């Protein structure tokens, strides 16, 4: 199984490719769009990968 970071990279790439194919972003905007999408996917995955501590009253 691929590492989580590799999976995040693949997911971000797929999202950007779909946005380019759909005309939502241009290939010229790839750098900025990819960074934003990668950061969002990464933060989401890492946030869910780290559950609340056991002593957290909301857990």
PDB file of N, CA and C in Angstrom:
ATOM      1  N   UNK A   1       0.855  -1.189   0.000  1.00  0.00           N
ATOM      2  CA  UNK A   1       0.000   0.000   0.000  1.00  0.00           C
ATOM      3  C   UNK A   1       0.891   1.240   0.000  1.00  0.00           C
ATOM      4  N   UNK A   2       0.468   2.211  -0.763  1.00  0.00           N
ATOM      5  CA  UNK A   2       1.237   3.444  -0.866  1.00  0.00           C
ATOM      6  C   UNK A   2       1.099   4.244   0.422  1.00  0.00           C
ATOM      7  N   UNK A   3       2.091   5.050   0.694  1.00  0.00           N
ATOM      8  CA  UNK A   3       2.033   5.876   1.896  1.00  0.00           C
ATOM      9  C   UNK A   3       0.923   6.916   1.773  1.00  0.00           C
ATOM     10  N   UNK A   4       0.545   7.461   2.890  1.00  0.00           N
ATOM     11  CA  UNK A   4      -0.523   8.476   2.897  1.00  0.00           C
ATOM     12  C   UNK A   4      -0.114   9.679   2.054  1.00  0.00           C
ATOM     13  N   UNK A   5       1.161  10.080   2.147  1.00  0.00           N
ATOM     14  CA  UNK A   5       1.611  11.235   1.364  1.00  0.00           C
ATOM     15  C   UNK A   5       1.495  10.973  -0.137  1.00  0.00           C
ATOM     16  N   UNK A   6       1.797   9.742  -0.560  1.00  0.00           N
ATOM     17  CA  UNK A   6       1.658   9.400  -1.979  1.00  0.00           C
ATOM     18  C   UNK A   6       0.196   9.428  -2.399  1.00  0.00           C
ATOM     19  N   UNK A   7      -0.677   8.965  -1.539  1.00  0.00           N
ATOM     20  CA  UNK A   7      -2.101   8.975  -1.843  1.00  0.00           C
ATOM     21  C   UNK A   7      -2.645  10.399  -1.918  1.00  0.00           C
ATOM     22  N   UNK A   8      -2.165  11.256  -1.036  1.00  0.00           N
ATOM     23  CA  UNK A   8      -2.577  12.667  -1.077  1.00  0.00           C
ATOM     24  C   UNK A   8      -2.115  13.297  -2.388  1.00  0.00           C
ATOM     25  N   UNK A   9      -0.883  13.003  -2.784  1.00  0.00           N
ATOM     26  CA  UNK A   9      -0.343  13.541  -4.033  1.00  0.00           C
ATOM     27  C   UNK A   9      -1.175  13.078  -5.225  1.00  0.00           C
ATOM     28  N   UNK A  10      -1.508  11.805  -5.259  1.00  0.00           N
ATOM     29  CA  UNK A  10      -2.313  11.273  -6.364  1.00  0.00           C
ATOM     30  C   UNK A  10      -3.709  11.895  -6.393  1.00  0.00           C
ATOM     31  N   UNK A  11      -4.315  12.029  -5.226  1.00  0.00           N
ATOM     32  CA  UNK A  11      -5.655  12.608  -5.163  1.00  0.00           C
ATOM     33  C   UNK A  11      -5.646  14.059  -5.644  1.00  0.00           C
ATOM     34  N   UNK A  12      -4.661  14.823  -5.193  1.00  0.00           N
ATOM     35  CA  UNK A  12      -4.561  16.227  -5.613  1.00  0.00           C
ATOM     36  C   UNK A  12      -4.353  16.323  -7.116  1.00  0.00           C
ATOM     37  N   UNK A  13      -3.515  15.448  -7.645  1.00  0.00           N
ATOM     38  CA  UNK A  13      -3.262  15.446  -9.087  1.00  0.00           C
ATOM     39  C   UNK A  13      -4.544  15.147  -9.856  1.00  0.00           C
ATOM     40  N   UNK A  14      -5.290  14.147  -9.419  1.00  0.00           N
ATOM     41  CA  UNK A  14      -6.545  13.792 -10.088  1.00  0.00           C
ATOM     42  C   UNK A  14      -7.542  14.945 -10.058  1.00  0.00           C
ATOM     43  N   UNK A  15      -7.638  15.604  -8.930  1.00  0.00           N
ATOM     44  CA  UNK A  15      -8.561  16.728  -8.808  1.00  0.00           C
ATOM     45  C   UNK A  15      -8.175  17.842  -9.771  1.00  0.00           C
ATOM     46  N   UNK A  16      -6.882  18.173  -9.820  1.00  0.00           N
ATOM     47  CA  UNK A  16      -6.425  19.243 -10.715  1.00  0.00           C
ATOM     48  C   UNK A  16      -6.676  18.861 -12.172  1.00  0.00           C
ATOM     49  N   UNK A  17      -6.382  17.616 -12.530  1.00  0.00           N
ATOM     50  CA  UNK A  17      -6.607  17.165 -13.905  1.00  0.00           C
ATOM     51  C   UNK A  17      -8.093  17.290 -14.275  1.00  0.00           C
ATOM     52  N   UNK A  18      -8.960  16.870 -13.364  1.00  0.00           N
ATOM     53  CA  UNK A  18     -10.404  16.975 -13.630  1.00  0.00           C
ATOM     54  C   UNK A  18     -10.833  18.431 -13.776  1.00  0.00           C
ATOM     55  N   UNK A  19     -10.289  19.312 -12.952  1.00  0.00           N
ATOM     56  CA  UNK A  19     -10.618  20.731 -13.066  1.00  0.00           C
ATOM     57  C   UNK A  19     -10.129  21.312 -14.392  1.00  0.00           C
ATOM     58  N   UNK A  20      -8.958  20.897 -14.841  1.00  0.00           N
ATOM     59  CA  UNK A  20      -8.440  21.373 -16.132  1.00  0.00           C
ATOM     60  C   UNK A  20      -9.323  20.844 -17.261  1.00  0.00           C
ATOM     61  N   UNK A  21      -9.645  19.548 -17.216  1.00  0.00           N
ATOM     62  CA  UNK A  21     -10.509  18.959 -18.247  1.00  0.00           C
ATOM     63  C   UNK A  21     -11.884  19.619 -18.270  1.00  0.00           C
ATOM     64  N   UNK A  22     -12.381  19.980 -17.123  1.00  0.00           N
ATOM     65  CA  UNK A  22     -13.696  20.611 -17.041  1.00  0.00           C
ATOM     66  C   UNK A  22     -13.677  22.101 -17.318  1.00  0.00           C
ATOM     67  N   UNK A  23     -12.496  22.666 -17.526  1.00  0.00           N
ATOM     68  CA  UNK A  23     -12.388  24.082 -17.837  1.00  0.00           C
ATOM     69  C   UNK A  23     -12.501  24.996 -16.622  1.00  0.00           C
ATOM     70  N   UNK A  24     -12.439  24.408 -15.419  1.00  0.00           N
ATOM     71  CA  UNK A  24     -12.561  25.228 -14.204  1.00  0.00           C
ATOM     72  C   UNK A  24     -11.270  25.987 -13.913  1.00  0.00           C
ATOM     73  N   UNK A  25     -10.124  25.414 -14.296  1.00  0.00           N
ATOM     74  CA  UNK A  25      -8.839  26.118 -14.191  1.00  0.00           C
ATOM     75  C   UNK A  25      -8.077  25.900 -15.488  1.00  0.00           C
ATOM     76  N   UNK A  26      -7.165  26.809 -15.787  1.00  0.00           N
ATOM     77  CA  UNK A  26      -6.367  26.678 -17.001  1.00  0.00           C
ATOM     78  C   UNK A  26      -5.034  26.014 -16.659  1.00  0.00           C
ATOM     79  N   UNK A  27      -4.410  25.369 -17.648  1.00  0.00           N
ATOM     80  CA  UNK A  27      -3.096  24.778 -17.398  1.00  0.00           C
ATOM     81  C   UNK A  27      -2.085  25.815 -16.903  1.00  0.00           C
ATOM     82  N   UNK A  28      -2.267  27.068 -17.287  1.00  0.00           N
ATOM     83  CA  UNK A  28      -1.355  28.127 -16.840  1.00  0.00           C
ATOM     84  C   UNK A  28      -1.482  28.354 -15.333  1.00  0.00           C
ATOM     85  N   UNK A  29      -2.626  28.051 -14.767  1.00  0.00           N
ATOM     86  CA  UNK A  29      -2.837  28.237 -13.341  1.00  0.00           C
ATOM     87  C   UNK A  29      -2.541  26.986 -12.529  1.00  0.00           C
ATOM     88  N   UNK A  30      -1.899  26.005 -13.152  1.00  0.00           N
ATOM     89  CA  UNK A  30      -1.634  24.728 -12.496  1.00  0.00           C
ATOM     90  C   UNK A  30      -0.883  24.881 -11.184  1.00  0.00           C
ATOM     91  N   UNK A  31       0.186  25.664 -11.159  1.00  0.00           N
ATOM     92  CA  UNK A  31       1.049  25.756  -9.974  1.00  0.00           C
ATOM     93  C   UNK A  31       0.274  26.220  -8.743  1.00  0.00           C
ATOM     94  N   UNK A  32      -0.422  27.320  -8.873  1.00  0.00           N
ATOM     95  CA  UNK A  32      -1.177  27.840  -7.733  1.00  0.00           C
ATOM     96  C   UNK A  32      -2.326  26.911  -7.348  1.00  0.00           C
ATOM     97  N   UNK A  33      -3.038  26.428  -8.341  1.00  0.00           N
ATOM     98  CA  UNK A  33      -4.173  25.557  -8.074  1.00  0.00           C
ATOM     99  C   UNK A  33      -3.727  24.256  -7.422  1.00  0.00           C
ATOM    100  N   UNK A  34      -2.653  23.671  -7.939  1.00  0.00           N
ATOM    101  CA  UNK A  34      -2.190  22.399  -7.377  1.00  0.00           C
ATOM    102  C   UNK A  34      -1.776  22.572  -5.920  1.00  0.00           C
ATOM    103  N   UNK A  35      -1.051  23.637  -5.634  1.00  0.00           N
ATOM    104  CA  UNK A  35      -0.604  23.860  -4.251  1.00  0.00           C
ATOM    105  C   UNK A  35      -1.797  24.008  -3.308  1.00  0.00           C
ATOM    106  N   UNK A  36      -2.780  24.794  -3.705  1.00  0.00           N
ATOM    107  CA  UNK A  36      -3.964  24.985  -2.866  1.00  0.00           C
ATOM    108  C   UNK A  36      -4.736  23.682  -2.664  1.00  0.00           C
ATOM    109  N   UNK A  37      -4.918  22.932  -3.737  1.00  0.00           N
ATOM    110  CA  UNK A  37      -5.663  21.675  -3.651  1.00  0.00           C
ATOM    111  C   UNK A  37      -4.876  20.661  -2.830  1.00  0.00           C
ATOM    112  N   UNK A  38      -3.572  20.559  -3.062  1.00  0.00           N
ATOM    113  CA  UNK A  38      -2.744  19.619  -2.298  1.00  0.00           C
ATOM    114  C   UNK A  38      -2.805  19.947  -0.803  1.00  0.00           C
ATOM    115  N   UNK A  39      -2.650  21.222  -0.471  1.00  0.00           N
ATOM    116  CA  UNK A  39      -2.686  21.626   0.943  1.00  0.00           C
ATOM    117  C   UNK A  39      -4.036  21.283   1.576  1.00  0.00           C
ATOM    118  N   UNK A  40      -5.123  21.488   0.846  1.00  0.00           N
ATOM    119  CA  UNK A  40      -6.452  21.191   1.367  1.00  0.00           C
ATOM    120  C   UNK A  40      -6.628  19.694   1.598  1.00  0.00           C
ATOM    121  N   UNK A  41      -6.244  18.878   0.620  1.00  0.00           N
ATOM    122  CA  UNK A  41      -6.365  17.429   0.766  1.00  0.00           C
ATOM    123  C   UNK A  41      -5.469  16.948   1.906  1.00  0.00           C
ATOM    124  N   UNK A  42      -4.247  17.444   1.945  1.00  0.00           N
ATOM    125  CA  UNK A  42      -3.291  17.032   2.983  1.00  0.00           C
ATOM    126  C   UNK A  42      -3.813  17.369   4.373  1.00  0.00           C
ATOM    127  N   UNK A  43      -4.275  18.598   4.558  1.00  0.00           N
ATOM    128  CA  UNK A  43      -4.793  19.017   5.865  1.00  0.00           C
ATOM    129  C   UNK A  43      -6.008  18.187   6.271  1.00  0.00           C
ATOM    130  N   UNK A  44      -6.869  17.886   5.313  1.00  0.00           N
ATOM    131  CA  UNK A  44      -8.056  17.089   5.598  1.00  0.00           C
ATOM    132  C   UNK A  44      -7.675  15.675   6.013  1.00  0.00           C
ATOM    133  N   UNK A  45      -6.778  15.062   5.270  1.00  0.00           N
ATOM    134  CA  UNK A  45      -6.362  13.684   5.580  1.00  0.00           C
ATOM    135  C   UNK A  45      -5.618  13.632   6.903  1.00  0.00           C
ATOM    136  N   UNK A  46      -4.690  14.521   7.104  1.00  0.00           N
ATOM    137  CA  UNK A  46      -3.918  14.512   8.347  1.00  0.00           C
ATOM    138  C   UNK A  46      -4.796  14.836   9.548  1.00  0.00           C
ATOM    139  N   UNK A  47      -5.781  15.683   9.374  1.00  0.00           N
ATOM    140  CA  UNK A  47      -6.690  16.019  10.455  1.00  0.00           C
ATOM    141  C   UNK A  47      -7.523  14.821  10.878  1.00  0.00           C
ATOM    142  N   UNK A  48      -7.922  14.009   9.931  1.00  0.00           N
ATOM    143  CA  UNK A  48      -8.711  12.824  10.233  1.00  0.00           C
ATOM    144  C   UNK A  48      -7.821  11.679  10.693  1.00  0.00           C
ATOM    145  N   UNK A  49      -6.557  11.702  10.307  1.00  0.00           N
ATOM    146  CA  UNK A  49      -5.640  10.635  10.699  1.00  0.00           C
ATOM    147  C   UNK A  49      -5.198  10.776  12.147  1.00  0.00           C
ATOM    148  N   UNK A  50      -5.372  11.963  12.724  1.00  0.00           N
ATOM    149  CA  UNK A  50      -4.980  12.211  14.104  1.00  0.00           C
ATOM    150  C   UNK A  50      -6.233  12.425  14.947  1.00  0.00           C
ATOM    151  N   UNK A  51      -6.784  11.346  15.528  1.00  0.00           N
ATOM    152  CA  UNK A  51      -8.003  11.504  16.321  1.00  0.00           C
ATOM    153  C   UNK A  51      -7.789  12.350  17.565  1.00  0.00           C
ATOM    154  N   UNK A  52      -8.889  12.773  18.154  1.00  0.00           N
ATOM    155  CA  UNK A  52      -8.822  13.576  19.369  1.00  0.00           C
ATOM    156  C   UNK A  52      -8.149  12.780  20.479  1.00  0.00           C
ATOM    157  N   UNK A  53      -7.397  13.454  21.334  1.00  0.00           N
ATOM    158  CA  UNK A  53      -6.782  12.746  22.476  1.00  0.00           C
ATOM    159  C   UNK A  53      -7.857  12.136  23.378  1.00  0.00           C
ATOM    160  N   UNK A  54      -7.504  11.067  24.082  1.00  0.00           N
ATOM    161  CA  UNK A  54      -8.456  10.344  24.927  1.00  0.00           C
ATOM    162  C   UNK A  54      -8.992  11.218  26.061  1.00  0.00           C
ATOM    163  N   UNK A  55      -8.186  12.184  26.525  1.00  0.00           N
ATOM    164  CA  UNK A  55      -8.626  13.028  27.638  1.00  0.00           C
ATOM    165  C   UNK A  55      -9.457  14.229  27.167  1.00  0.00           C
ATOM    166  N   UNK A  56      -9.746  14.339  25.873  1.00  0.00           N
ATOM    167  CA  UNK A  56     -10.548  15.433  25.359  1.00  0.00           C
ATOM    168  C   UNK A  56     -12.012  15.188  25.722  1.00  0.00           C
ATOM    169  N   UNK A  57     -12.690  16.141  26.348  1.00  0.00           N
ATOM    170  CA  UNK A  57     -14.078  15.928  26.766  1.00  0.00           C
ATOM    171  C   UNK A  57     -15.037  15.751  25.587  1.00  0.00           C
ATOM    172  N   UNK A  58     -14.645  16.205  24.383  1.00  0.00           N
ATOM    173  CA  UNK A  58     -15.515  16.061  23.217  1.00  0.00           C
ATOM    174  C   UNK A  58     -15.351  14.717  22.569  1.00  0.00           C
ATOM    175  N   UNK A  59     -14.408  13.914  22.981  1.00  0.00           N
ATOM    176  CA  UNK A  59     -14.139  12.614  22.349  1.00  0.00           C
ATOM    177  C   UNK A  59     -15.213  11.616  22.671  1.00  0.00           C
TER     178      UNK A  59
END
